[in-house]
Amino acid sequence: MRVKLEVCQGPVTGQVLRLRQPDCVVLGRAADSPISFQRDNLVSRHHVLMQFCPPHCKLLDLRSKHGVEVNGVRFWGRRSGGSMPVEQAPGLFLRNGDTLKIGESTLIVSISKPTAAGNDVGEITGEHVFFQDPSPTSEMRAFLEATGSQGMSVFAQTPALAEPAPETPVEMNESFALPEAVEFDGYIIEKTLGQGTLGKVYRAVERDTGERVVIKTQHPRQLPDLVQIQRFQAWQDFVGHVRHPNLANVRRYGRQAHTFYTVYDYVDGLRFDHFLRSQGGQLPVDTALGIMLPILHGLAHAHAAQREPFRALVHNHLHPKHILLVARDDGSWHPVLCELGLSKAFEGIGLSDLTDSSQLVGAPEYWPREYVSHYRHLHPATDVFALAAIFYRAMTGEWIRRGFPEMRHRCRAQRREPTVADFFAVMVRTPATPIREHLAQLPRALARVFDRALLEPVVARSRRREVLARTRYPDAGAFRRALLEAVRQCVA
């Protein structure tokens, strides 16, 4: 599926936004909006959030003053703007032909489905279709039968899923039934370790070696096309060649029926979030740095990896639960970072973690704003921010932004779970609090390193890499070197 958003009337007539892969964009007057509404005073700086993850195309409000009109019906907004009634649905599914009015601008939504050759086959009319894709072409079948390299699993051809969709506009509903436990060739499933909206995590034993492994699965809502499968395979091949003692290494990947999976080394360790909780939610600075620096060492190795067409291996979804602590004989910890590259791999088959509501519990507190505004174009500096945010909380016991607790309280009062739009509204209004405001005894040299790692410039997509690298630290290696130099200054 492809989405085109074209301004057909208003001050910015002629501007066009095209989305061909899962993406997330913020529309408004701010510099990071892909459509410039800077001359329209009826548009908020951060007006609406648009998420595209095939087959979904969604619109969410960012607490804009004037809201949005969808096919003549006004949604959201904090001002009445006359007699037009205001609907307050938490989010809307968009369909082909929808008309949006944002401020003084009118935009037309076009949703089309490409052929196997990559050309549009025409617009999708009527209802927005969920869980539907054409049967594989002969070219795709040949590819599915032939793919698989360097011991990796072969993708199997399977029929498509089909399910009708609700009419638009409607309140969003992410419910989706996961398949029952599946069998994986060459593995014996021991137990289910966890489950999200779109997949499960299993502990298993490899039949040939008897070694334990972890199998992470995702179940797409629609059968991926040839290009998506090629992208998935190329990325997983890249990830599989990046190996480091502080990284959980990828052993193989593949597809079983409709389920895509990645097999990792099994790490018998304590989750960092569980360890932090057992310590009362706060760690001494030396303990935190003793865990953080080895993780940065492994992440620096990933950031430095290159293999055409990829310039760096970025985690994209850092969270305390992705850090495992393995106990050494001397009582110290060996930290290991898990699920490196997994977010990007599953995005390649049409899955975006921004569409998984279970991912929104805890994770967005560690995101920089570009995780939402520049979702398709993340950078190693994004991982720098997230890791700094994780250990900021570990050392201070506080979130990096003061607005998160209030936002969660407001959502509880409204009897709903926070959406990514709720979190982004806090991000754009509340910069990271300087770390010494929560931890006054932290040496100033260390504080300067953390505060720089948490800077968030508002930048156009075309300049994101150079500005983020210059403002923050360009990658985990530079961040680690700065921390080590600050430690030396403190000891001297």
Protein backbone atom coordinates (compact mmCIF):
# COMPACT_ATOMS: atom_id res chain seq x y z
CA MET A 1 0.00 0.00 0.00
CA ARG A 2 1.00 3.57 -0.64
CA VAL A 3 -0.43 6.77 0.76
CA LYS A 4 -0.37 10.20 -0.86
CA LEU A 5 -1.47 13.31 0.98
CA GLU A 6 -1.85 16.28 -1.39
CA VAL A 7 -2.76 19.86 -0.51
CA CYS A 8 -5.34 20.90 -3.09
CA GLN A 9 -6.46 24.21 -1.57
CA GLY A 10 -5.02 26.78 0.82
CA PRO A 11 -1.76 28.64 1.51
CA VAL A 12 0.44 25.60 0.76
CA THR A 13 -1.42 24.26 -2.29
CA GLY A 14 0.63 21.78 -4.29
CA GLN A 15 2.66 20.27 -1.46
CA VAL A 16 2.58 16.46 -1.47
CA LEU A 17 3.51 13.82 1.09
CA ARG A 18 4.08 10.25 -0.13
CA LEU A 19 4.46 7.24 2.17
CA ARG A 20 5.55 3.92 0.68
CA GLN A 21 6.75 2.14 3.83
CA PRO A 22 5.63 2.13 7.48
CA ASP A 23 6.13 5.62 8.78
CA CYS A 24 4.94 8.18 11.28
CA VAL A 25 4.75 11.90 10.53
CA VAL A 26 3.73 14.96 12.49
CA LEU A 27 1.84 17.66 10.59
CA GLY A 28 1.93 21.23 11.83
CA ARG A 29 3.85 24.50 11.74
CA ALA A 30 7.04 23.08 13.32
CA ALA A 31 10.17 22.64 11.18
CA ASP A 32 9.98 18.84 11.31
CA SER A 33 6.58 18.70 9.57
CA PRO A 34 7.00 17.20 6.04
CA ILE A 35 4.28 19.57 4.80
CA SER A 36 5.01 23.16 5.75
CA PHE A 37 2.05 24.94 7.36
CA GLN A 38 4.21 27.76 8.71
CA ARG A 39 2.08 30.49 7.09
CA ASP A 40 -1.20 29.15 8.53
CA ASN A 41 -1.95 30.55 11.98
CA LEU A 42 -4.92 28.20 12.41
CA VAL A 43 -2.52 25.25 12.50
CA SER A 44 -0.78 24.34 15.76
CA ARG A 45 2.96 23.75 15.82
CA HIS A 46 2.23 20.04 16.27
CA HIS A 47 -1.29 19.58 14.98
CA VAL A 48 -1.92 15.92 14.13
CA LEU A 49 -0.01 12.66 14.00
CA MET A 50 -0.36 10.41 10.96
CA GLN A 51 0.67 6.75 11.25
CA PHE A 52 1.04 4.48 8.25
CA CYS A 53 1.52 0.77 8.81
CA PRO A 54 -0.15 -1.26 6.06
CA PRO A 55 -3.00 -1.86 5.96
CA HIS A 56 -3.61 0.90 8.51
CA CYS A 57 -3.48 4.63 7.90
CA LYS A 58 -4.44 6.52 11.04
CA LEU A 59 -4.86 10.07 12.21
CA LEU A 60 -4.43 11.11 15.85
CA ASP A 61 -4.85 14.51 17.44
CA LEU A 62 -1.98 16.26 19.22
CA ARG A 63 -4.22 18.50 21.35
CA SER A 64 -4.47 21.02 18.53
CA LYS A 65 -6.48 24.19 19.08
CA HIS A 66 -8.68 23.95 16.00
CA GLY A 67 -8.82 20.22 15.28
CA VAL A 68 -9.32 18.66 11.85
CA GLU A 69 -12.29 18.30 9.52
CA VAL A 70 -12.61 14.83 7.98
CA ASN A 71 -15.17 14.70 5.16
CA GLY A 72 -16.91 17.76 6.62
CA VAL A 73 -17.05 16.43 10.19
CA ARG A 74 -14.90 18.30 12.69
CA PHE A 75 -12.83 16.23 15.11
CA TRP A 76 -10.96 17.42 18.19
CA GLY A 77 -9.91 20.98 18.89
CA ARG A 78 -10.01 23.08 22.05
CA ARG A 79 -12.02 25.92 20.53
CA SER A 80 -15.56 25.69 19.24
CA GLY A 81 -14.86 27.67 16.06
CA GLY A 82 -18.53 28.45 15.52
CA SER A 83 -21.53 26.16 15.45
CA MET A 84 -19.88 23.09 13.89
CA PRO A 85 -20.08 20.16 16.33
CA VAL A 86 -16.80 18.67 17.54
CA GLU A 87 -16.25 14.91 17.74
CA GLN A 88 -13.67 13.60 20.21
CA ALA A 89 -12.76 10.12 18.93
CA PRO A 90 -9.24 9.11 20.12
CA GLY A 91 -8.17 8.39 16.53
CA LEU A 92 -9.43 7.80 13.01
CA PHE A 93 -8.73 5.29 10.28
CA LEU A 94 -8.34 7.00 6.92
CA ARG A 95 -9.46 5.61 3.56
CA ASN A 96 -8.96 6.53 -0.05
CA GLY A 97 -10.73 9.73 -1.09
CA ASP A 98 -11.02 11.21 2.41
CA THR A 99 -10.83 14.99 2.55
CA LEU A 100 -8.97 16.62 5.43
CA LYS A 101 -9.10 20.28 6.35
CA ILE A 102 -6.22 21.40 8.55
CA GLY A 103 -6.34 25.11 9.24
CA GLU A 104 -6.96 26.87 5.93
CA SER A 105 -5.62 23.96 3.86
CA THR A 106 -7.64 21.15 2.26
CA LEU A 107 -5.88 17.83 1.67
CA ILE A 108 -6.92 14.76 -0.31
CA VAL A 109 -5.98 11.25 0.86
CA SER A 110 -5.09 8.73 -1.86
CA ILE A 111 -4.42 5.11 -0.92
CA SER A 112 -3.23 2.73 -3.64
CA LYS A 113 -1.87 -0.80 -3.75
CA PRO A 114 1.28 -1.53 -5.81
CA THR A 115 1.71 -4.53 -8.05
CA ALA A 116 4.55 -7.01 -7.58
CA ALA A 117 6.56 -4.86 -9.99
CA GLY A 118 6.09 -1.86 -7.70
CA ASN A 119 3.58 0.09 -9.82
CA ASP A 120 0.29 1.34 -8.46
CA VAL A 121 -2.68 -0.75 -9.58
CA GLY A 122 -5.21 1.94 -8.81
CA GLU A 123 -6.89 3.50 -5.84
CA ILE A 124 -8.54 1.49 -3.10
CA THR A 125 -12.14 2.59 -2.84
CA GLY A 126 -14.96 1.86 -0.43
CA GLU A 127 -14.08 0.45 2.94
CA HIS A 128 -10.53 0.48 4.22
CA VAL A 129 -9.49 -3.17 3.88
CA PHE A 130 -7.75 -4.95 6.77
CA PHE A 131 -5.87 -8.26 6.57
CA GLN A 132 -6.13 -8.50 2.79
CA ASP A 133 -3.51 -8.87 0.09
CA PRO A 134 -3.48 -10.51 -3.36
CA SER A 135 -2.26 -14.10 -3.62
CA PRO A 136 1.50 -14.37 -4.30
CA THR A 137 2.54 -13.92 -7.90
CA SER A 138 4.58 -16.60 -9.68
CA GLU A 139 7.63 -14.37 -9.23
CA MET A 140 7.01 -14.18 -5.50
CA ARG A 141 6.47 -17.93 -5.22
CA ALA A 142 9.79 -18.57 -6.95
CA PHE A 143 11.51 -16.16 -4.60
CA LEU A 144 9.91 -17.71 -1.53
CA GLU A 145 11.02 -21.15 -2.60
CA ALA A 146 14.58 -20.09 -3.38
CA THR A 147 15.47 -17.63 -0.63
CA GLY A 148 17.62 -18.51 2.33
CA SER A 149 21.34 -17.96 2.67
CA GLN A 150 24.18 -18.93 4.98
CA GLY A 151 22.12 -21.36 7.00
CA MET A 152 19.17 -19.04 7.38
CA SER A 153 15.64 -20.40 7.08
CA VAL A 154 13.72 -20.52 3.83
CA PHE A 155 10.55 -18.46 3.53
CA ALA A 156 7.51 -20.62 2.77
CA GLN A 157 4.71 -19.54 0.45
CA THR A 158 1.34 -19.28 2.22
CA PRO A 159 -2.14 -18.05 1.26
CA ALA A 160 -3.30 -14.59 2.19
CA LEU A 161 -5.55 -13.59 5.04
CA ALA A 162 -8.78 -11.70 4.46
CA GLU A 163 -10.96 -9.84 6.90
CA PRO A 164 -13.44 -6.96 6.41
CA ALA A 165 -12.82 -3.60 7.98
CA PRO A 166 -15.00 -1.11 9.80
CA GLU A 167 -16.23 1.97 7.97
CA THR A 168 -14.35 5.20 8.30
CA PRO A 169 -14.18 7.37 10.29
CA VAL A 170 -14.32 5.11 13.34
CA GLU A 171 -12.66 4.91 16.71
CA MET A 172 -9.49 2.86 16.38
CA ASN A 173 -9.49 -0.76 17.47
CA GLU A 174 -6.17 -2.61 17.45
CA SER A 175 -7.55 -6.01 18.54
CA PHE A 176 -6.07 -8.87 16.58
CA ALA A 177 -6.17 -12.59 17.34
CA LEU A 178 -2.73 -14.20 17.40
CA PRO A 179 -2.40 -17.75 16.10
CA GLU A 180 -2.02 -20.59 18.55
CA ALA A 181 1.49 -21.82 19.38
CA VAL A 182 3.33 -22.83 16.24
CA GLU A 183 6.12 -25.36 15.70
CA PHE A 184 9.48 -24.29 14.32
CA ASP A 185 11.54 -26.73 12.30
CA GLY A 186 14.61 -27.79 14.27
CA TYR A 187 13.39 -26.47 17.63
CA ILE A 188 11.46 -27.79 20.63
CA ILE A 189 9.39 -25.10 22.35
CA GLU A 190 9.85 -25.17 26.14
CA LYS A 191 7.71 -22.26 27.28
CA THR A 192 6.21 -18.91 26.29
CA LEU A 193 8.22 -16.05 27.77
CA GLY A 194 5.97 -13.21 26.71
CA GLN A 195 3.33 -11.94 24.31
CA GLY A 196 2.57 -8.66 22.59
CA THR A 197 -0.23 -7.57 20.28
CA LEU A 198 1.44 -8.96 17.16
CA GLY A 199 3.72 -11.72 18.36
CA LYS A 200 5.14 -13.98 21.06
CA VAL A 201 8.49 -14.85 22.60
CA TYR A 202 9.43 -18.48 23.25
CA ARG A 203 12.24 -20.29 25.00
CA ALA A 204 13.22 -23.30 22.93
CA VAL A 205 15.88 -25.98 22.49
CA GLU A 206 17.73 -26.53 19.22
CA ARG A 207 17.30 -30.21 18.30
CA ASP A 208 20.73 -30.69 16.72
CA THR A 209 22.83 -29.06 19.45
CA GLY A 210 20.64 -29.21 22.55
CA GLU A 211 21.34 -25.51 23.12
CA ARG A 212 18.70 -23.19 24.43
CA VAL A 213 17.56 -20.28 22.26
CA VAL A 214 14.98 -17.51 22.27
CA ILE A 215 12.51 -17.27 19.37
CA LYS A 216 10.83 -13.91 18.83
CA THR A 217 7.82 -13.97 16.47
CA GLN A 218 5.64 -11.43 14.71
CA HIS A 219 2.42 -12.14 12.81
CA PRO A 220 1.72 -9.57 10.05
CA ARG A 221 -1.82 -8.42 9.45
CA GLN A 222 -1.32 -8.99 5.73
CA LEU A 223 0.97 -11.13 3.59
CA PRO A 224 4.13 -9.12 2.82
CA ASP A 225 4.99 -8.48 -0.78
CA LEU A 226 8.21 -9.44 -2.57
CA VAL A 227 10.02 -6.19 -1.80
CA GLN A 228 9.16 -6.38 1.90
CA ILE A 229 10.42 -9.96 2.13
CA GLN A 230 13.68 -9.04 0.39
CA ARG A 231 14.11 -6.10 2.77
CA PHE A 232 13.47 -8.36 5.78
CA GLN A 233 16.04 -10.90 4.59
CA ALA A 234 18.73 -8.31 3.73
CA TRP A 235 18.40 -6.63 7.12
CA GLN A 236 18.46 -9.91 9.06
CA ASP A 237 21.56 -11.03 7.14
CA PHE A 238 23.21 -7.77 8.17
CA VAL A 239 22.22 -8.17 11.83
CA GLY A 240 23.40 -11.79 11.86
CA HIS A 241 26.94 -10.75 10.98
CA VAL A 242 27.24 -8.27 13.88
CA ARG A 243 28.54 -10.16 16.92
CA HIS A 244 29.83 -8.89 20.27
CA PRO A 245 30.08 -10.24 23.85
CA ASN A 246 27.64 -7.58 25.08
CA LEU A 247 25.03 -8.31 22.37
CA ALA A 248 22.57 -11.22 22.15
CA ASN A 249 23.51 -12.60 18.76
CA VAL A 250 21.07 -13.61 16.00
CA ARG A 251 21.40 -17.30 15.05
CA ARG A 252 18.88 -17.52 12.21
CA TYR A 253 15.55 -16.16 11.01
CA GLY A 254 12.68 -17.35 8.86
CA ARG A 255 9.00 -17.73 8.30
CA GLN A 256 6.67 -20.50 9.45
CA ALA A 257 3.16 -20.27 7.95
CA HIS A 258 2.12 -16.60 8.49
CA THR A 259 4.59 -16.10 11.34
CA PHE A 260 7.98 -14.45 10.87
CA TYR A 261 10.57 -15.26 13.51
CA THR A 262 14.09 -14.48 14.68
CA VAL A 263 16.20 -16.91 16.74
CA TYR A 264 18.61 -15.42 19.30
CA ASP A 265 21.20 -16.86 21.64
CA TYR A 266 19.58 -17.62 24.99
CA VAL A 267 20.91 -15.34 27.72
CA ASP A 268 20.24 -16.64 31.23
CA GLY A 269 20.19 -13.28 32.96
CA LEU A 270 18.18 -10.92 35.12
CA ARG A 271 16.23 -8.22 33.34
CA PHE A 272 17.58 -4.77 34.16
CA ASP A 273 14.13 -3.38 34.98
CA HIS A 274 13.58 -6.22 37.48
CA PHE A 275 17.03 -5.62 38.99
CA LEU A 276 16.30 -1.90 39.28
CA ARG A 277 13.01 -2.62 41.03
CA SER A 278 14.76 -4.95 43.48
CA GLN A 279 17.11 -2.08 44.37
CA GLY A 280 14.27 0.29 45.20
CA GLY A 281 14.18 1.96 41.78
CA GLN A 282 17.51 3.77 42.04
CA LEU A 283 21.15 2.72 41.69
CA PRO A 284 24.40 4.28 42.90
CA VAL A 285 26.18 6.10 40.07
CA ASP A 286 29.14 3.69 40.00
CA THR A 287 26.80 0.66 39.78
CA ALA A 288 24.78 2.24 36.97
CA LEU A 289 27.90 3.17 34.98
CA GLY A 290 29.32 -0.32 35.50
CA ILE A 291 26.32 -1.66 33.58
CA MET A 292 25.95 1.20 31.11
CA LEU A 293 29.52 1.31 29.76
CA PRO A 294 29.65 -2.36 28.59
CA ILE A 295 26.24 -1.93 26.93
CA LEU A 296 27.59 1.15 25.15
CA HIS A 297 30.61 -0.90 24.07
CA GLY A 298 28.37 -3.46 22.36
CA LEU A 299 26.10 -0.80 20.90
CA ALA A 300 29.12 1.13 19.57
CA HIS A 301 30.18 -2.02 17.71
CA ALA A 302 26.71 -2.21 16.15
CA HIS A 303 26.67 1.49 15.23
CA ALA A 304 30.03 1.11 13.48
CA ALA A 305 28.88 -1.87 11.41
CA GLN A 306 28.35 -1.25 7.71
CA ARG A 307 27.11 -3.48 4.92
CA GLU A 308 25.55 -2.16 1.74
CA PRO A 309 22.96 -0.68 1.69
CA PHE A 310 23.02 -0.23 5.49
CA ARG A 311 25.21 2.40 7.14
CA ALA A 312 24.72 1.43 10.80
CA LEU A 313 22.88 -1.06 12.96
CA VAL A 314 20.52 0.95 15.16
CA HIS A 315 18.49 -0.67 17.93
CA ASN A 316 15.53 1.76 17.57
CA HIS A 317 13.63 0.37 20.54
CA LEU A 318 15.82 0.50 23.65
CA HIS A 319 14.10 -0.36 26.91
CA PRO A 320 15.37 -1.59 30.33
CA LYS A 321 13.86 -5.01 29.65
CA HIS A 322 16.24 -5.41 26.69
CA ILE A 323 19.26 -5.34 29.03
CA LEU A 324 20.03 -8.68 30.72
CA LEU A 325 22.47 -9.06 33.61
CA VAL A 326 24.41 -12.32 33.77
CA ALA A 327 25.96 -13.05 37.18
CA ARG A 328 29.72 -13.68 37.20
CA ASP A 329 31.50 -15.87 39.74
CA ASP A 330 33.03 -12.80 41.41
CA GLY A 331 29.58 -11.29 42.05
CA SER A 332 29.75 -8.68 39.28
CA TRP A 333 27.41 -8.42 36.29
CA HIS A 334 28.00 -9.11 32.61
CA PRO A 335 25.43 -6.94 30.77
CA VAL A 336 23.97 -8.10 27.44
CA LEU A 337 21.77 -6.04 25.09
CA CYS A 338 18.94 -8.00 23.44
CA GLU A 339 16.73 -7.60 20.37
CA LEU A 340 19.20 -5.50 18.43
CA GLY A 341 17.77 -4.70 15.00
CA LEU A 342 14.49 -6.47 15.66
CA SER A 343 12.30 -3.39 15.31
CA LYS A 344 13.77 -2.62 11.88
CA ALA A 345 13.44 -6.24 10.73
CA PHE A 346 9.74 -6.48 11.47
CA GLU A 347 9.09 -2.99 10.11
CA GLY A 348 10.44 -4.35 6.82
CA ILE A 349 7.54 -6.83 6.58
CA GLY A 350 4.92 -4.16 7.24
CA LEU A 351 5.00 -4.07 11.03
CA SER A 352 5.66 -0.86 12.89
CA ASP A 353 6.01 -1.02 16.66
CA LEU A 354 4.15 2.29 16.83
CA THR A 355 1.00 0.31 15.94
CA ASP A 356 1.39 -2.13 18.82
CA SER A 357 -0.37 -0.69 21.87
CA SER A 358 1.50 -3.07 24.19
CA GLN A 359 4.76 -1.38 23.14
CA LEU A 360 3.48 1.90 24.60
CA VAL A 361 3.78 0.69 28.20
CA GLY A 362 7.08 2.14 29.40
CA ALA A 363 8.92 2.53 26.10
CA PRO A 364 7.87 6.08 25.04
CA GLU A 365 9.29 7.55 28.23
CA TYR A 366 12.71 6.81 26.75
CA TRP A 367 12.03 8.10 23.23
CA PRO A 368 13.39 11.32 21.73
CA ARG A 369 10.94 13.33 19.70
CA GLU A 370 12.47 12.19 16.39
CA TYR A 371 11.31 8.63 17.16
CA VAL A 372 7.86 9.91 16.19
CA SER A 373 8.53 12.88 13.93
CA HIS A 374 11.31 11.16 11.89
CA TYR A 375 10.30 7.54 12.39
CA ARG A 376 11.55 6.27 9.01
CA HIS A 377 14.88 8.06 9.36
CA LEU A 378 16.31 7.20 12.76
CA HIS A 379 19.99 7.58 13.52
CA PRO A 380 22.52 6.15 16.02
CA ALA A 381 22.01 9.38 17.98
CA THR A 382 18.45 8.16 18.65
CA ASP A 383 19.91 5.18 20.55
CA VAL A 384 22.22 7.59 22.42
CA PHE A 385 19.19 9.50 23.72
CA ALA A 386 17.27 6.36 24.70
CA LEU A 387 20.18 4.78 26.58
CA ALA A 388 20.90 8.05 28.38
CA ALA A 389 17.21 8.23 29.35
CA ILE A 390 17.26 4.66 30.71
CA PHE A 391 20.26 5.27 32.97
CA TYR A 392 19.07 8.77 33.90
CA ARG A 393 16.07 7.08 35.48
CA ALA A 394 18.23 4.32 36.98
CA MET A 395 20.41 6.89 38.78
CA THR A 396 17.74 9.45 39.73
CA GLY A 397 14.56 7.37 40.07
CA GLU A 398 12.80 10.01 37.91
CA TRP A 399 11.62 10.21 34.30
CA ILE A 400 13.52 12.57 32.06
CA ARG A 401 10.36 14.64 31.45
CA ARG A 402 8.16 15.98 34.21
CA GLY A 403 5.00 15.78 32.09
CA PHE A 404 4.73 11.96 31.89
CA PRO A 405 3.11 11.29 35.31
CA GLU A 406 0.52 14.02 34.78
CA MET A 407 -0.33 12.68 31.31
CA ARG A 408 -0.83 9.15 32.61
CA HIS A 409 -3.02 10.46 35.42
CA ARG A 410 -5.16 12.34 32.90
CA CYS A 411 -5.57 9.22 30.74
CA ARG A 412 -6.57 7.13 33.78
CA ALA A 413 -9.18 9.75 34.65
CA GLN A 414 -10.51 9.37 31.08
CA ARG A 415 -10.46 5.56 31.50
CA ARG A 416 -8.20 4.92 28.54
CA GLU A 417 -4.63 3.89 27.78
CA PRO A 418 -2.20 6.56 26.55
CA THR A 419 -1.60 6.66 22.82
CA VAL A 420 1.60 7.60 21.03
CA ALA A 421 -0.02 11.00 20.43
CA ASP A 422 -0.35 11.53 24.20
CA PHE A 423 3.33 10.78 24.69
CA PHE A 424 4.39 12.97 21.77
CA ALA A 425 2.36 15.88 23.15
CA VAL A 426 4.49 15.66 26.30
CA MET A 427 7.72 15.33 24.30
CA VAL A 428 7.20 18.53 22.33
CA ARG A 429 6.16 20.57 25.36
CA THR A 430 8.58 19.24 27.98
CA PRO A 431 12.32 18.98 27.32
CA ALA A 432 14.47 16.69 29.42
CA THR A 433 15.08 18.01 32.93
CA PRO A 434 18.80 18.61 33.62
CA ILE A 435 19.98 15.57 35.56
CA ARG A 436 21.45 17.52 38.50
CA GLU A 437 18.00 18.87 39.33
CA HIS A 438 17.18 15.32 40.45
CA LEU A 439 20.70 14.21 41.48
CA ALA A 440 22.57 17.21 42.83
CA GLN A 441 25.56 15.15 43.98
CA LEU A 442 26.33 13.95 40.44
CA PRO A 443 29.67 15.40 39.32
CA ARG A 444 29.22 18.23 36.85
CA ALA A 445 31.43 16.57 34.23
CA LEU A 446 29.12 13.53 34.13
CA ALA A 447 26.02 15.71 34.21
CA ARG A 448 27.17 17.64 31.13
CA VAL A 449 27.58 14.39 29.20
CA PHE A 450 24.07 13.18 30.10
CA ASP A 451 22.46 16.55 29.41
CA ARG A 452 24.06 16.73 25.97
CA ALA A 453 22.94 13.18 25.14
CA LEU A 454 19.34 14.25 25.89
CA LEU A 455 19.21 17.36 23.67
CA GLU A 456 16.37 17.43 21.11
CA PRO A 457 16.76 19.87 18.23
CA VAL A 458 13.71 20.54 16.08
CA VAL A 459 15.04 19.81 12.63
CA ALA A 460 13.76 19.23 9.12
CA ARG A 461 14.05 15.66 7.84
CA SER A 462 16.60 16.65 5.21
CA ARG A 463 19.09 17.81 7.89
CA ARG A 464 18.33 15.31 10.67
CA ARG A 465 21.58 13.31 10.55
CA GLU A 466 24.05 16.18 10.58
CA VAL A 467 22.15 18.17 13.22
CA LEU A 468 21.57 15.22 15.57
CA ALA A 469 25.20 14.10 15.27
CA ARG A 470 26.46 17.61 16.02
CA THR A 471 24.00 18.47 18.81
CA ARG A 472 23.94 15.14 20.59
CA TYR A 473 26.66 12.47 20.31
CA PRO A 474 26.79 10.94 16.82
CA ASP A 475 26.83 7.34 18.07
CA ALA A 476 27.31 5.08 21.10
CA GLY A 477 31.08 5.10 20.65
CA ALA A 478 31.32 8.88 21.00
CA PHE A 479 28.92 8.82 23.96
CA ARG A 480 31.01 6.12 25.69
CA ARG A 481 34.25 8.03 25.15
CA ALA A 482 32.71 11.18 26.60
CA LEU A 483 31.52 9.26 29.68
CA LEU A 484 34.95 7.68 30.22
CA GLU A 485 36.64 11.09 29.95
CA ALA A 486 34.17 12.53 32.48
CA VAL A 487 34.91 9.65 34.87
CA ARG A 488 38.65 10.32 34.54
CA GLN A 489 38.07 13.99 35.37
CA CYS A 490 36.09 13.00 38.45
CA VAL A 491 38.80 10.61 39.66
CA ALA A 492 41.72 12.96 38.97
